[in-house]
Amino acid sequence: MEKLIVRYKVKPDRADENQKYIQKVFEELHRTSPSGLRYVSFRLSDGVSFVHIVSVETAMTVTH
């Protein structure tokens, strides 16, 4: 099982836009239901920090 945690901050005027993009990701994941994928996202209390946690049961290649 591969796990990835991503934490980042956005500019205050872009936080709501980023939240909308995240919602689109979840809509796509709901539509396609990829096997073995678990994905969660959090908007932290400062309103501009986000954390994404991904877990994949199959081999995953991560590029930076």
Protein backbone atom coordinates (compact mmCIF):
# COMPACT_ATOMS: atom_id res chain seq x y z
CA MET A 1 0.00 0.00 0.00
CA GLU A 2 1.34 3.41 -0.96
CA LYS A 3 0.48 6.54 1.02
CA LEU A 4 1.02 10.17 0.20
CA ILE A 5 0.36 13.25 2.33
CA VAL A 6 0.41 16.69 0.76
CA ARG A 7 0.13 19.91 2.75
CA TYR A 8 0.16 23.36 1.19
CA LYS A 9 -1.04 26.93 1.59
CA VAL A 10 -2.74 29.12 -0.97
CA LYS A 11 -3.13 32.87 -1.09
CA PRO A 12 -6.19 34.00 0.90
CA ASP A 13 -7.99 35.24 -2.22
CA ARG A 14 -7.56 31.78 -3.86
CA ALA A 15 -8.69 29.52 -1.00
CA ASP A 16 -12.35 29.26 -2.03
CA GLU A 17 -11.30 28.60 -5.63
CA ASN A 18 -8.99 25.82 -4.46
CA GLN A 19 -11.84 24.34 -2.41
CA LYS A 20 -13.99 24.23 -5.57
CA TYR A 21 -11.24 22.38 -7.45
CA ILE A 22 -11.04 19.84 -4.63
CA GLN A 23 -14.80 19.33 -4.82
CA LYS A 24 -14.48 18.61 -8.54
CA VAL A 25 -11.85 15.97 -7.77
CA PHE A 26 -14.22 14.27 -5.34
CA GLU A 27 -17.05 14.41 -7.88
CA GLU A 28 -14.80 12.70 -10.44
CA LEU A 29 -13.67 10.08 -7.93
CA HIS A 30 -17.29 9.39 -7.04
CA ARG A 31 -18.16 9.07 -10.73
CA THR A 32 -15.27 6.75 -11.63
CA SER A 33 -14.86 4.84 -8.34
CA PRO A 34 -11.21 3.86 -8.87
CA SER A 35 -10.42 0.54 -7.22
CA GLY A 36 -8.11 0.57 -4.22
CA LEU A 37 -7.99 4.36 -3.86
CA ARG A 38 -8.75 6.22 -0.66
CA TYR A 39 -8.57 10.00 -0.72
CA VAL A 40 -9.38 12.63 1.86
CA SER A 41 -8.83 16.36 1.92
CA PHE A 42 -8.98 18.87 4.73
CA ARG A 43 -9.09 22.64 4.80
CA LEU A 44 -7.38 23.69 8.01
CA SER A 45 -8.70 26.24 10.46
CA ASP A 46 -6.52 29.06 9.10
CA GLY A 47 -8.63 28.87 5.92
CA VAL A 48 -5.66 28.80 3.55
CA SER A 49 -3.89 25.53 4.42
CA PHE A 50 -4.97 22.25 2.85
CA VAL A 51 -3.99 18.65 3.52
CA HIS A 52 -4.63 15.77 1.13
CA ILE A 53 -4.08 12.15 2.12
CA VAL A 54 -4.03 9.46 -0.55
CA SER A 55 -3.79 5.72 -0.02
CA VAL A 56 -3.51 3.32 -2.95
CA GLU A 57 -3.65 -0.44 -2.56
CA THR A 58 -1.84 -1.05 -5.85
CA ALA A 59 1.56 0.13 -7.05
CA MET A 60 1.66 3.91 -7.48
CA THR A 61 4.27 6.02 -9.18
CA VAL A 62 4.74 9.45 -7.65
CA THR A 63 6.44 12.16 -9.67
CA HIS A 64 7.54 15.48 -8.28
